[in-house]
């Protein structure tokens, strides 16, 4: 039954009229309901039920076997890379050899040995006399510059350049007698303690290799008679252009001449500059040198 407030007192009745009548009669009032507090005025909060998670399945623990041996990991086997074919590289100073070269000269182009060898086997226009080169190191640097300026900086192009025709700054020889010993004057040239070197990057002196036999020659190479350019008195360019050729880039001492027409050098037959007439000196001027060094 509803409760009505009459004069501050609460009366329980069916209507407000009946509640007023009860108040007039002095009926005892009903106790008033307590006012709702701040917590009761708040709207009830609905908490989101937590989603049910799947039950965690516990894996059975693995019990270690006492004193069980530990197996080593299986090694990974990789195929070894194919190595390039080995190059016979020698220890500097330990793989020198006596290099024999062959040169034939026609009598319509060259003087006989007694005149040709007055100052050794000389060139018509050696670089050292043309540009004032005074050391083997300077000659080597000039060779590199020449190859850069005239042969695109390529060693094989320089070989073809030499092969194309005779050069006044170079002395062409061969390492075999094929095509060389069919001339009027046939010379055997010997370089003692020769060393052969590959060409390195940017026309540098590369690794020393043993090209003692022509069958071993697989690339263009340089020839010295010492471990370094500065200590060498020989500078030659070795190449294979149909034949195995060696081109010397300076005059050769007469001591490098081993035989002439298969005979030892007849030293007495070679003329001296002091014995030449003026006409002979003019005729032989390209052979003659003033001084004993190949550098002139």
C-alpha atoms as a PDB file:
ATOM      1  CA  UNK A   1       0.000   0.000   0.000  1.00  0.00           C
ATOM      2  CA  UNK A   2       1.293   3.458  -0.858  1.00  0.00           C
ATOM      3  CA  UNK A   3       2.572   5.822   1.780  1.00  0.00           C
ATOM      4  CA  UNK A   4       1.581   9.542   1.865  1.00  0.00           C
ATOM      5  CA  UNK A   5       3.388  12.385   3.660  1.00  0.00           C
ATOM      6  CA  UNK A   6       0.929  14.493   5.654  1.00  0.00           C
ATOM      7  CA  UNK A   7       2.473  17.321   7.661  1.00  0.00           C
ATOM      8  CA  UNK A   8       5.854  15.656   7.649  1.00  0.00           C
ATOM      9  CA  UNK A   9       4.404  12.345   8.869  1.00  0.00           C
ATOM     10  CA  UNK A  10       3.996   9.281   6.727  1.00  0.00           C
ATOM     11  CA  UNK A  11       0.609   7.484   6.615  1.00  0.00           C
ATOM     12  CA  UNK A  12      -0.029   4.282   4.751  1.00  0.00           C
ATOM     13  CA  UNK A  13      -3.450   4.399   3.036  1.00  0.00           C
ATOM     14  CA  UNK A  14      -5.172   3.473  -0.201  1.00  0.00           C
ATOM     15  CA  UNK A  15      -5.598   7.153  -1.171  1.00  0.00           C
ATOM     16  CA  UNK A  16      -4.312  10.540  -0.086  1.00  0.00           C
ATOM     17  CA  UNK A  17      -7.820  11.399   1.281  1.00  0.00           C
ATOM     18  CA  UNK A  18      -7.756   8.398   3.560  1.00  0.00           C
ATOM     19  CA  UNK A  19      -4.215   9.271   4.663  1.00  0.00           C
ATOM     20  CA  UNK A  20      -5.351  12.803   5.572  1.00  0.00           C
ATOM     21  CA  UNK A  21      -8.280  11.381   7.581  1.00  0.00           C
ATOM     22  CA  UNK A  22      -5.896   9.154   9.478  1.00  0.00           C
ATOM     23  CA  UNK A  23      -3.772  12.228  10.322  1.00  0.00           C
ATOM     24  CA  UNK A  24      -6.839  14.145  11.571  1.00  0.00           C
ATOM     25  CA  UNK A  25      -7.889  11.227  13.765  1.00  0.00           C
ATOM     26  CA  UNK A  26      -4.405  11.183  15.340  1.00  0.00           C
ATOM     27  CA  UNK A  27      -3.531   7.774  13.969  1.00  0.00           C
ATOM     28  CA  UNK A  28       0.047   6.872  14.549  1.00  0.00           C
ATOM     29  CA  UNK A  29       2.216   7.627  11.526  1.00  0.00           C
ATOM     30  CA  UNK A  30       4.345   5.100   9.712  1.00  0.00           C
ATOM     31  CA  UNK A  31       8.124   5.389  10.002  1.00  0.00           C
ATOM     32  CA  UNK A  32       9.566   7.324   7.101  1.00  0.00           C
ATOM     33  CA  UNK A  33      11.824   5.492   4.571  1.00  0.00           C
ATOM     34  CA  UNK A  34      15.389   6.625   4.680  1.00  0.00           C
ATOM     35  CA  UNK A  35      16.495   8.968   1.913  1.00  0.00           C
ATOM     36  CA  UNK A  36      18.688   7.308  -0.613  1.00  0.00           C
ATOM     37  CA  UNK A  37      22.391   8.113  -0.209  1.00  0.00           C
ATOM     38  CA  UNK A  38      24.751   9.162  -3.009  1.00  0.00           C
ATOM     39  CA  UNK A  39      25.827   5.581  -3.557  1.00  0.00           C
ATOM     40  CA  UNK A  40      22.137   4.523  -3.886  1.00  0.00           C
ATOM     41  CA  UNK A  41      21.446   7.258  -6.456  1.00  0.00           C
ATOM     42  CA  UNK A  42      24.111   5.963  -8.807  1.00  0.00           C
ATOM     43  CA  UNK A  43      22.963   3.805 -11.645  1.00  0.00           C
ATOM     44  CA  UNK A  44      23.875   0.243 -11.190  1.00  0.00           C
ATOM     45  CA  UNK A  45      27.036  -0.646 -13.019  1.00  0.00           C
ATOM     46  CA  UNK A  46      26.994  -3.677 -15.182  1.00  0.00           C
ATOM     47  CA  UNK A  47      30.375  -5.365 -15.293  1.00  0.00           C
ATOM     48  CA  UNK A  48      31.372  -7.147 -18.471  1.00  0.00           C
ATOM     49  CA  UNK A  49      31.797 -10.782 -17.757  1.00  0.00           C
ATOM     50  CA  UNK A  50      35.261 -12.015 -18.431  1.00  0.00           C
ATOM     51  CA  UNK A  51      35.522 -14.219 -21.517  1.00  0.00           C
ATOM     52  CA  UNK A  52      36.052 -17.788 -20.746  1.00  0.00           C
ATOM     53  CA  UNK A  53      39.536 -18.859 -21.681  1.00  0.00           C
ATOM     54  CA  UNK A  54      40.359 -22.298 -22.915  1.00  0.00           C
ATOM     55  CA  UNK A  55      41.856 -24.423 -20.236  1.00  0.00           C
ATOM     56  CA  UNK A  56      45.646 -24.565 -20.369  1.00  0.00           C
ATOM     57  CA  UNK A  57      46.894 -27.975 -21.176  1.00  0.00           C
ATOM     58  CA  UNK A  58      49.976 -28.726 -19.158  1.00  0.00           C
ATOM     59  CA  UNK A  59      52.641 -30.590 -21.085  1.00  0.00           C
ATOM     60  CA  UNK A  60      54.179 -33.384 -19.180  1.00  0.00           C
ATOM     61  CA  UNK A  61      57.650 -32.486 -17.991  1.00  0.00           C
ATOM     62  CA  UNK A  62      60.488 -34.335 -19.679  1.00  0.00           C
ATOM     63  CA  UNK A  63      62.560 -36.059 -17.138  1.00  0.00           C
ATOM     64  CA  UNK A  64      66.261 -35.984 -18.026  1.00  0.00           C
ATOM     65  CA  UNK A  65      67.892 -39.312 -18.225  1.00  0.00           C
ATOM     66  CA  UNK A  66      70.764 -39.516 -15.846  1.00  0.00           C
ATOM     67  CA  UNK A  67      74.189 -39.731 -17.545  1.00  0.00           C
ATOM     68  CA  UNK A  68      72.631 -39.706 -21.059  1.00  0.00           C
ATOM     69  CA  UNK A  69      75.334 -39.098 -23.700  1.00  0.00           C
ATOM     70  CA  UNK A  70      75.143 -35.794 -25.630  1.00  0.00           C
ATOM     71  CA  UNK A  71      75.195 -36.369 -29.382  1.00  0.00           C
ATOM     72  CA  UNK A  72      77.354 -33.870 -31.346  1.00  0.00           C
ATOM     73  CA  UNK A  73      75.627 -31.656 -33.893  1.00  0.00           C
ATOM     74  CA  UNK A  74      75.866 -32.966 -37.436  1.00  0.00           C
ATOM     75  CA  UNK A  75      78.306 -30.780 -39.371  1.00  0.00           C
ATOM     76  CA  UNK A  76      77.061 -28.938 -42.449  1.00  0.00           C
ATOM     77  CA  UNK A  77      79.046 -30.053 -45.482  1.00  0.00           C
ATOM     78  CA  UNK A  78      79.412 -27.397 -48.185  1.00  0.00           C
ATOM     79  CA  UNK A  79      80.867 -27.969 -51.600  1.00  0.00           C
ATOM     80  CA  UNK A  80      84.326 -26.466 -51.934  1.00  0.00           C
ATOM     81  CA  UNK A  81      84.601 -23.696 -54.587  1.00  0.00           C
ATOM     82  CA  UNK A  82      86.523 -24.569 -57.698  1.00  0.00           C
ATOM     83  CA  UNK A  83      90.010 -23.114 -57.487  1.00  0.00           C
ATOM     84  CA  UNK A  84      91.511 -21.380 -60.548  1.00  0.00           C
ATOM     85  CA  UNK A  85      94.339 -23.204 -62.284  1.00  0.00           C
ATOM     86  CA  UNK A  86      97.557 -22.704 -60.303  1.00  0.00           C
ATOM     87  CA  UNK A  87     100.161 -20.250 -61.533  1.00  0.00           C
ATOM     88  CA  UNK A  88     103.764 -21.150 -60.940  1.00  0.00           C
ATOM     89  CA  UNK A  89     104.859 -18.259 -58.742  1.00  0.00           C
ATOM     90  CA  UNK A  90     108.475 -18.380 -57.712  1.00  0.00           C
ATOM     91  CA  UNK A  91     110.267 -16.994 -54.705  1.00  0.00           C
ATOM     92  CA  UNK A  92     112.110 -13.774 -55.685  1.00  0.00           C
ATOM     93  CA  UNK A  93     115.747 -14.457 -56.416  1.00  0.00           C
ATOM     94  CA  UNK A  94     115.322 -18.222 -56.216  1.00  0.00           C
ATOM     95  CA  UNK A  95     113.903 -18.993 -59.672  1.00  0.00           C
ATOM     96  CA  UNK A  96     116.220 -17.174 -62.034  1.00  0.00           C
ATOM     97  CA  UNK A  97     117.416 -18.873 -65.182  1.00  0.00           C
ATOM     98  CA  UNK A  98     119.514 -18.218 -68.264  1.00  0.00           C
ATOM     99  CA  UNK A  99     117.232 -16.890 -70.975  1.00  0.00           C
ATOM    100  CA  UNK A 100     118.248 -17.554 -74.584  1.00  0.00           C
ATOM    101  CA  UNK A 101     116.813 -15.418 -77.377  1.00  0.00           C
ATOM    102  CA  UNK A 102     117.393 -15.554 -81.123  1.00  0.00           C
ATOM    103  CA  UNK A 103     117.630 -12.765 -83.683  1.00  0.00           C
ATOM    104  CA  UNK A 104     118.314 -12.838 -87.403  1.00  0.00           C
ATOM    105  CA  UNK A 105     119.400  -9.770 -89.413  1.00  0.00           C
ATOM    106  CA  UNK A 106     119.554  -9.311 -93.209  1.00  0.00           C
ATOM    107  CA  UNK A 107     122.664  -7.740 -94.724  1.00  0.00           C
ATOM    108  CA  UNK A 108     120.597  -5.232 -96.743  1.00  0.00           C
ATOM    109  CA  UNK A 109     119.292  -3.737 -93.484  1.00  0.00           C
ATOM    110  CA  UNK A 110     122.092  -4.307 -91.027  1.00  0.00           C
ATOM    111  CA  UNK A 111     125.860  -4.076 -90.976  1.00  0.00           C
ATOM    112  CA  UNK A 112     127.993  -7.181 -90.413  1.00  0.00           C
ATOM    113  CA  UNK A 113     128.811  -8.149 -86.813  1.00  0.00           C
ATOM    114  CA  UNK A 114     132.268  -6.489 -86.809  1.00  0.00           C
ATOM    115  CA  UNK A 115     130.524  -3.128 -87.301  1.00  0.00           C
ATOM    116  CA  UNK A 116     127.136  -3.891 -85.781  1.00  0.00           C
ATOM    117  CA  UNK A 117     128.596  -4.844 -82.397  1.00  0.00           C
ATOM    118  CA  UNK A 118     131.130  -2.030 -81.925  1.00  0.00           C
ATOM    119  CA  UNK A 119     129.114  -0.762 -78.939  1.00  0.00           C
ATOM    120  CA  UNK A 120     127.100  -3.910 -78.344  1.00  0.00           C
ATOM    121  CA  UNK A 121     123.774  -4.742 -79.955  1.00  0.00           C
ATOM    122  CA  UNK A 122     122.418  -1.203 -80.072  1.00  0.00           C
ATOM    123  CA  UNK A 123     119.088   0.229 -81.197  1.00  0.00           C
ATOM    124  CA  UNK A 124     118.588   2.884 -83.821  1.00  0.00           C
ATOM    125  CA  UNK A 125     116.590   5.214 -81.544  1.00  0.00           C
ATOM    126  CA  UNK A 126     116.559   3.988 -77.935  1.00  0.00           C
ATOM    127  CA  UNK A 127     114.203   5.786 -75.577  1.00  0.00           C
ATOM    128  CA  UNK A 128     116.926   6.672 -73.101  1.00  0.00           C
ATOM    129  CA  UNK A 129     118.787   8.727 -75.708  1.00  0.00           C
ATOM    130  CA  UNK A 130     115.616  10.260 -77.138  1.00  0.00           C
ATOM    131  CA  UNK A 131     114.104  11.607 -73.935  1.00  0.00           C
ATOM    132  CA  UNK A 132     117.108  11.723 -71.609  1.00  0.00           C
ATOM    133  CA  UNK A 133     116.269   8.709 -69.430  1.00  0.00           C
ATOM    134  CA  UNK A 134     119.053   8.105 -66.919  1.00  0.00           C
ATOM    135  CA  UNK A 135     117.972   5.050 -64.904  1.00  0.00           C
ATOM    136  CA  UNK A 136     116.190   1.744 -65.288  1.00  0.00           C
ATOM    137  CA  UNK A 137     113.368   2.949 -63.029  1.00  0.00           C
ATOM    138  CA  UNK A 138     112.827   5.955 -65.299  1.00  0.00           C
ATOM    139  CA  UNK A 139     112.855   3.682 -68.353  1.00  0.00           C
ATOM    140  CA  UNK A 140     110.172   1.489 -66.756  1.00  0.00           C
ATOM    141  CA  UNK A 141     107.983   4.507 -66.024  1.00  0.00           C
ATOM    142  CA  UNK A 142     108.411   5.726 -69.593  1.00  0.00           C
ATOM    143  CA  UNK A 143     107.334   2.293 -70.867  1.00  0.00           C
ATOM    144  CA  UNK A 144     104.155   2.488 -68.775  1.00  0.00           C
ATOM    145  CA  UNK A 145     103.418   6.012 -70.037  1.00  0.00           C
ATOM    146  CA  UNK A 146     104.002   4.952 -73.634  1.00  0.00           C
ATOM    147  CA  UNK A 147     101.562   2.074 -73.255  1.00  0.00           C
ATOM    148  CA  UNK A 148      98.971   4.416 -71.753  1.00  0.00           C
ATOM    149  CA  UNK A 149      99.369   7.017 -74.499  1.00  0.00           C
ATOM    150  CA  UNK A 150      99.638   4.704 -77.505  1.00  0.00           C
ATOM    151  CA  UNK A 151      98.049   1.364 -76.609  1.00  0.00           C
ATOM    152  CA  UNK A 152      95.051   2.301 -74.427  1.00  0.00           C
ATOM    153  CA  UNK A 153      96.961   1.140 -71.350  1.00  0.00           C
ATOM    154  CA  UNK A 154      96.565  -2.495 -72.437  1.00  0.00           C
ATOM    155  CA  UNK A 155      99.404  -4.976 -72.389  1.00  0.00           C
ATOM    156  CA  UNK A 156      98.081  -7.116 -75.236  1.00  0.00           C
ATOM    157  CA  UNK A 157      97.609  -4.023 -77.400  1.00  0.00           C
ATOM    158  CA  UNK A 158     101.272  -3.112 -76.837  1.00  0.00           C
ATOM    159  CA  UNK A 159     102.257  -6.638 -77.907  1.00  0.00           C
ATOM    160  CA  UNK A 160     100.335  -6.210 -81.156  1.00  0.00           C
ATOM    161  CA  UNK A 161     101.898  -2.767 -81.619  1.00  0.00           C
ATOM    162  CA  UNK A 162     105.373  -4.286 -81.432  1.00  0.00           C
ATOM    163  CA  UNK A 163     104.375  -7.171 -83.655  1.00  0.00           C
ATOM    164  CA  UNK A 164     103.012  -4.944 -86.431  1.00  0.00           C
ATOM    165  CA  UNK A 165     106.453  -3.742 -87.578  1.00  0.00           C
ATOM    166  CA  UNK A 166     109.961  -3.112 -86.359  1.00  0.00           C
ATOM    167  CA  UNK A 167     110.313  -0.260 -83.883  1.00  0.00           C
ATOM    168  CA  UNK A 168     113.482   1.855 -83.683  1.00  0.00           C
ATOM    169  CA  UNK A 169     113.295   1.910 -79.862  1.00  0.00           C
ATOM    170  CA  UNK A 170     112.967  -1.869 -79.544  1.00  0.00           C
ATOM    171  CA  UNK A 171     115.061  -4.946 -80.288  1.00  0.00           C
ATOM    172  CA  UNK A 172     112.844  -7.836 -81.340  1.00  0.00           C
ATOM    173  CA  UNK A 173     113.988 -11.384 -80.615  1.00  0.00           C
ATOM    174  CA  UNK A 174     112.361 -14.812 -80.367  1.00  0.00           C
ATOM    175  CA  UNK A 175     112.617 -17.589 -77.803  1.00  0.00           C
ATOM    176  CA  UNK A 176     112.689 -20.235 -80.520  1.00  0.00           C
ATOM    177  CA  UNK A 177     114.738 -20.519 -83.718  1.00  0.00           C
ATOM    178  CA  UNK A 178     111.615 -20.804 -85.864  1.00  0.00           C
ATOM    179  CA  UNK A 179     111.760 -17.961 -88.372  1.00  0.00           C
ATOM    180  CA  UNK A 180     114.809 -16.403 -86.723  1.00  0.00           C
ATOM    181  CA  UNK A 181     117.760 -18.336 -88.079  1.00  0.00           C
ATOM    182  CA  UNK A 182     117.174 -17.889 -91.782  1.00  0.00           C
ATOM    183  CA  UNK A 183     119.077 -14.604 -92.106  1.00  0.00           C
ATOM    184  CA  UNK A 184     122.617 -13.530 -92.959  1.00  0.00           C
ATOM    185  CA  UNK A 185     123.589 -12.752 -89.383  1.00  0.00           C
ATOM    186  CA  UNK A 186     122.091 -15.032 -86.768  1.00  0.00           C
ATOM    187  CA  UNK A 187     122.623 -14.048 -83.136  1.00  0.00           C
ATOM    188  CA  UNK A 188     122.030 -15.974 -79.928  1.00  0.00           C
ATOM    189  CA  UNK A 189     121.427 -13.570 -77.035  1.00  0.00           C
ATOM    190  CA  UNK A 190     121.807 -14.726 -73.454  1.00  0.00           C
ATOM    191  CA  UNK A 191     120.407 -13.044 -70.345  1.00  0.00           C
ATOM    192  CA  UNK A 192     121.891 -14.574 -67.231  1.00  0.00           C
ATOM    193  CA  UNK A 193     119.829 -14.762 -64.030  1.00  0.00           C
ATOM    194  CA  UNK A 194     116.656 -13.748 -65.847  1.00  0.00           C
ATOM    195  CA  UNK A 195     113.443 -13.314 -63.846  1.00  0.00           C
ATOM    196  CA  UNK A 196     109.991 -13.230 -65.400  1.00  0.00           C
ATOM    197  CA  UNK A 197     107.089 -11.247 -63.922  1.00  0.00           C
ATOM    198  CA  UNK A 198     103.409 -10.961 -64.705  1.00  0.00           C
ATOM    199  CA  UNK A 199     101.836  -7.569 -65.272  1.00  0.00           C
ATOM    200  CA  UNK A 200      99.934  -6.246 -62.278  1.00  0.00           C
ATOM    201  CA  UNK A 201      96.991  -3.823 -62.062  1.00  0.00           C
ATOM    202  CA  UNK A 202      97.477  -0.444 -63.750  1.00  0.00           C
ATOM    203  CA  UNK A 203     100.629  -1.614 -65.563  1.00  0.00           C
ATOM    204  CA  UNK A 204     102.572  -2.394 -62.409  1.00  0.00           C
ATOM    205  CA  UNK A 205     105.161  -5.121 -61.955  1.00  0.00           C
ATOM    206  CA  UNK A 206     103.188  -8.153 -60.847  1.00  0.00           C
ATOM    207  CA  UNK A 207     104.061 -11.494 -59.279  1.00  0.00           C
ATOM    208  CA  UNK A 208     107.183 -13.335 -60.291  1.00  0.00           C
ATOM    209  CA  UNK A 209     106.431 -16.435 -62.366  1.00  0.00           C
ATOM    210  CA  UNK A 210     108.633 -19.133 -63.803  1.00  0.00           C
ATOM    211  CA  UNK A 211     108.443 -18.888 -67.589  1.00  0.00           C
ATOM    212  CA  UNK A 212     111.666 -20.767 -68.119  1.00  0.00           C
ATOM    213  CA  UNK A 213     110.182 -22.900 -70.888  1.00  0.00           C
ATOM    214  CA  UNK A 214     108.020 -21.545 -73.685  1.00  0.00           C
ATOM    215  CA  UNK A 215     105.352 -24.153 -72.896  1.00  0.00           C
ATOM    216  CA  UNK A 216     104.897 -22.432 -69.524  1.00  0.00           C
ATOM    217  CA  UNK A 217     104.184 -19.015 -71.062  1.00  0.00           C
ATOM    218  CA  UNK A 218     100.489 -18.273 -70.533  1.00  0.00           C
ATOM    219  CA  UNK A 219     100.469 -14.460 -70.476  1.00  0.00           C
ATOM    220  CA  UNK A 220     102.418 -11.363 -71.417  1.00  0.00           C
ATOM    221  CA  UNK A 221     105.263 -10.722 -68.993  1.00  0.00           C
ATOM    222  CA  UNK A 222     108.238  -8.545 -68.103  1.00  0.00           C
ATOM    223  CA  UNK A 223     111.857  -9.685 -67.920  1.00  0.00           C
ATOM    224  CA  UNK A 224     114.501  -8.411 -65.497  1.00  0.00           C
ATOM    225  CA  UNK A 225     117.821  -9.827 -64.309  1.00  0.00           C
ATOM    226  CA  UNK A 226     117.278  -8.792 -60.676  1.00  0.00           C
ATOM    227  CA  UNK A 227     114.485  -8.928 -58.130  1.00  0.00           C
ATOM    228  CA  UNK A 228     113.665  -5.236 -58.567  1.00  0.00           C
ATOM    229  CA  UNK A 229     113.543  -2.841 -61.493  1.00  0.00           C
ATOM    230  CA  UNK A 230     116.053  -0.489 -59.891  1.00  0.00           C
ATOM    231  CA  UNK A 231     118.655  -3.266 -59.522  1.00  0.00           C
ATOM    232  CA  UNK A 232     118.143  -4.709 -62.992  1.00  0.00           C
ATOM    233  CA  UNK A 233     120.230  -3.974 -66.085  1.00  0.00           C
ATOM    234  CA  UNK A 234     117.728  -5.722 -68.360  1.00  0.00           C
ATOM    235  CA  UNK A 235     114.191  -4.659 -69.236  1.00  0.00           C
ATOM    236  CA  UNK A 236     112.323  -6.661 -71.850  1.00  0.00           C
ATOM    237  CA  UNK A 237     108.725  -7.313 -72.802  1.00  0.00           C
ATOM    238  CA  UNK A 238     107.754 -10.950 -73.295  1.00  0.00           C
ATOM    239  CA  UNK A 239     104.715 -11.817 -75.363  1.00  0.00           C
ATOM    240  CA  UNK A 240     103.169 -14.513 -77.509  1.00  0.00           C
ATOM    241  CA  UNK A 241     101.892 -13.351 -80.887  1.00  0.00           C
ATOM    242  CA  UNK A 242     102.077 -16.423 -83.043  1.00  0.00           C
ATOM    243  CA  UNK A 243     105.614 -16.988 -81.799  1.00  0.00           C
ATOM    244  CA  UNK A 244     107.216 -16.530 -78.386  1.00  0.00           C
ATOM    245  CA  UNK A 245     108.877 -13.129 -78.586  1.00  0.00           C
ATOM    246  CA  UNK A 246     111.054 -11.051 -76.290  1.00  0.00           C
ATOM    247  CA  UNK A 247     111.501  -7.365 -77.077  1.00  0.00           C
ATOM    248  CA  UNK A 248     114.350  -5.506 -75.386  1.00  0.00           C
ATOM    249  CA  UNK A 249     113.776  -1.801 -74.763  1.00  0.00           C
ATOM    250  CA  UNK A 250     117.410  -0.686 -74.582  1.00  0.00           C
ATOM    251  CA  UNK A 251     120.835  -1.442 -75.990  1.00  0.00           C
ATOM    252  CA  UNK A 252     122.351  -4.793 -75.085  1.00  0.00           C
ATOM    253  CA  UNK A 253     125.933  -5.227 -73.968  1.00  0.00           C
ATOM    254  CA  UNK A 254     128.172  -7.232 -76.242  1.00  0.00           C
ATOM    255  CA  UNK A 255     128.518  -9.591 -73.293  1.00  0.00           C
ATOM    256  CA  UNK A 256     124.918 -10.651 -73.973  1.00  0.00           C
ATOM    257  CA  UNK A 257     125.868 -12.031 -77.399  1.00  0.00           C
ATOM    258  CA  UNK A 258     126.447 -15.764 -77.052  1.00  0.00           C
ATOM    259  CA  UNK A 259     127.107 -16.836 -80.652  1.00  0.00           C
ATOM    260  CA  UNK A 260     127.042 -15.443 -84.193  1.00  0.00           C
ATOM    261  CA  UNK A 261     126.053 -17.866 -86.942  1.00  0.00           C
ATOM    262  CA  UNK A 262     126.469 -20.728 -84.466  1.00  0.00           C
ATOM    263  CA  UNK A 263     130.049 -19.692 -83.657  1.00  0.00           C
ATOM    264  CA  UNK A 264     131.507 -17.970 -80.589  1.00  0.00           C
ATOM    265  CA  UNK A 265     132.011 -14.220 -80.875  1.00  0.00           C
ATOM    266  CA  UNK A 266     135.309 -13.341 -82.552  1.00  0.00           C
ATOM    267  CA  UNK A 267     136.240 -10.401 -80.372  1.00  0.00           C
ATOM    268  CA  UNK A 268     139.263  -9.506 -82.474  1.00  0.00           C
ATOM    269  CA  UNK A 269     137.113  -9.025 -85.546  1.00  0.00           C
ATOM    270  CA  UNK A 270     134.953  -6.352 -83.918  1.00  0.00           C
ATOM    271  CA  UNK A 271     136.157  -2.873 -84.774  1.00  0.00           C
ATOM    272  CA  UNK A 272     136.908  -0.107 -82.283  1.00  0.00           C
ATOM    273  CA  UNK A 273     135.463   3.375 -82.547  1.00  0.00           C
ATOM    274  CA  UNK A 274     138.979   4.787 -82.433  1.00  0.00           C
ATOM    275  CA  UNK A 275     139.883   2.887 -85.596  1.00  0.00           C
ATOM    276  CA  UNK A 276     136.954   4.170 -87.662  1.00  0.00           C
ATOM    277  CA  UNK A 277     137.393   6.734 -90.388  1.00  0.00           C
ATOM    278  CA  UNK A 278     135.162   9.805 -90.486  1.00  0.00           C
ATOM    279  CA  UNK A 279     133.090   8.276 -93.269  1.00  0.00           C
ATOM    280  CA  UNK A 280     132.655   5.071 -91.250  1.00  0.00           C
ATOM    281  CA  UNK A 281     131.570   7.046 -88.189  1.00  0.00           C
ATOM    282  CA  UNK A 282     128.935   8.843 -90.279  1.00  0.00           C
ATOM    283  CA  UNK A 283     127.770   5.564 -91.798  1.00  0.00           C
ATOM    284  CA  UNK A 284     127.618   3.750 -88.467  1.00  0.00           C
ATOM    285  CA  UNK A 285     126.465   6.689 -86.319  1.00  0.00           C
ATOM    286  CA  UNK A 286     123.218   4.978 -85.235  1.00  0.00           C
ATOM    287  CA  UNK A 287     125.183   2.015 -83.884  1.00  0.00           C
ATOM    288  CA  UNK A 288     127.726   4.038 -81.937  1.00  0.00           C
ATOM    289  CA  UNK A 289     127.504   5.116 -78.317  1.00  0.00           C
ATOM    290  CA  UNK A 290     129.698   7.525 -76.370  1.00  0.00           C
ATOM    291  CA  UNK A 291     130.285   5.724 -73.085  1.00  0.00           C
ATOM    292  CA  UNK A 292     130.219   2.193 -71.763  1.00  0.00           C
ATOM    293  CA  UNK A 293     126.742   2.121 -70.157  1.00  0.00           C
ATOM    294  CA  UNK A 294     123.703   0.952 -72.087  1.00  0.00           C
ATOM    295  CA  UNK A 295     122.128   4.201 -70.897  1.00  0.00           C
ATOM    296  CA  UNK A 296     124.603   6.059 -73.109  1.00  0.00           C
END
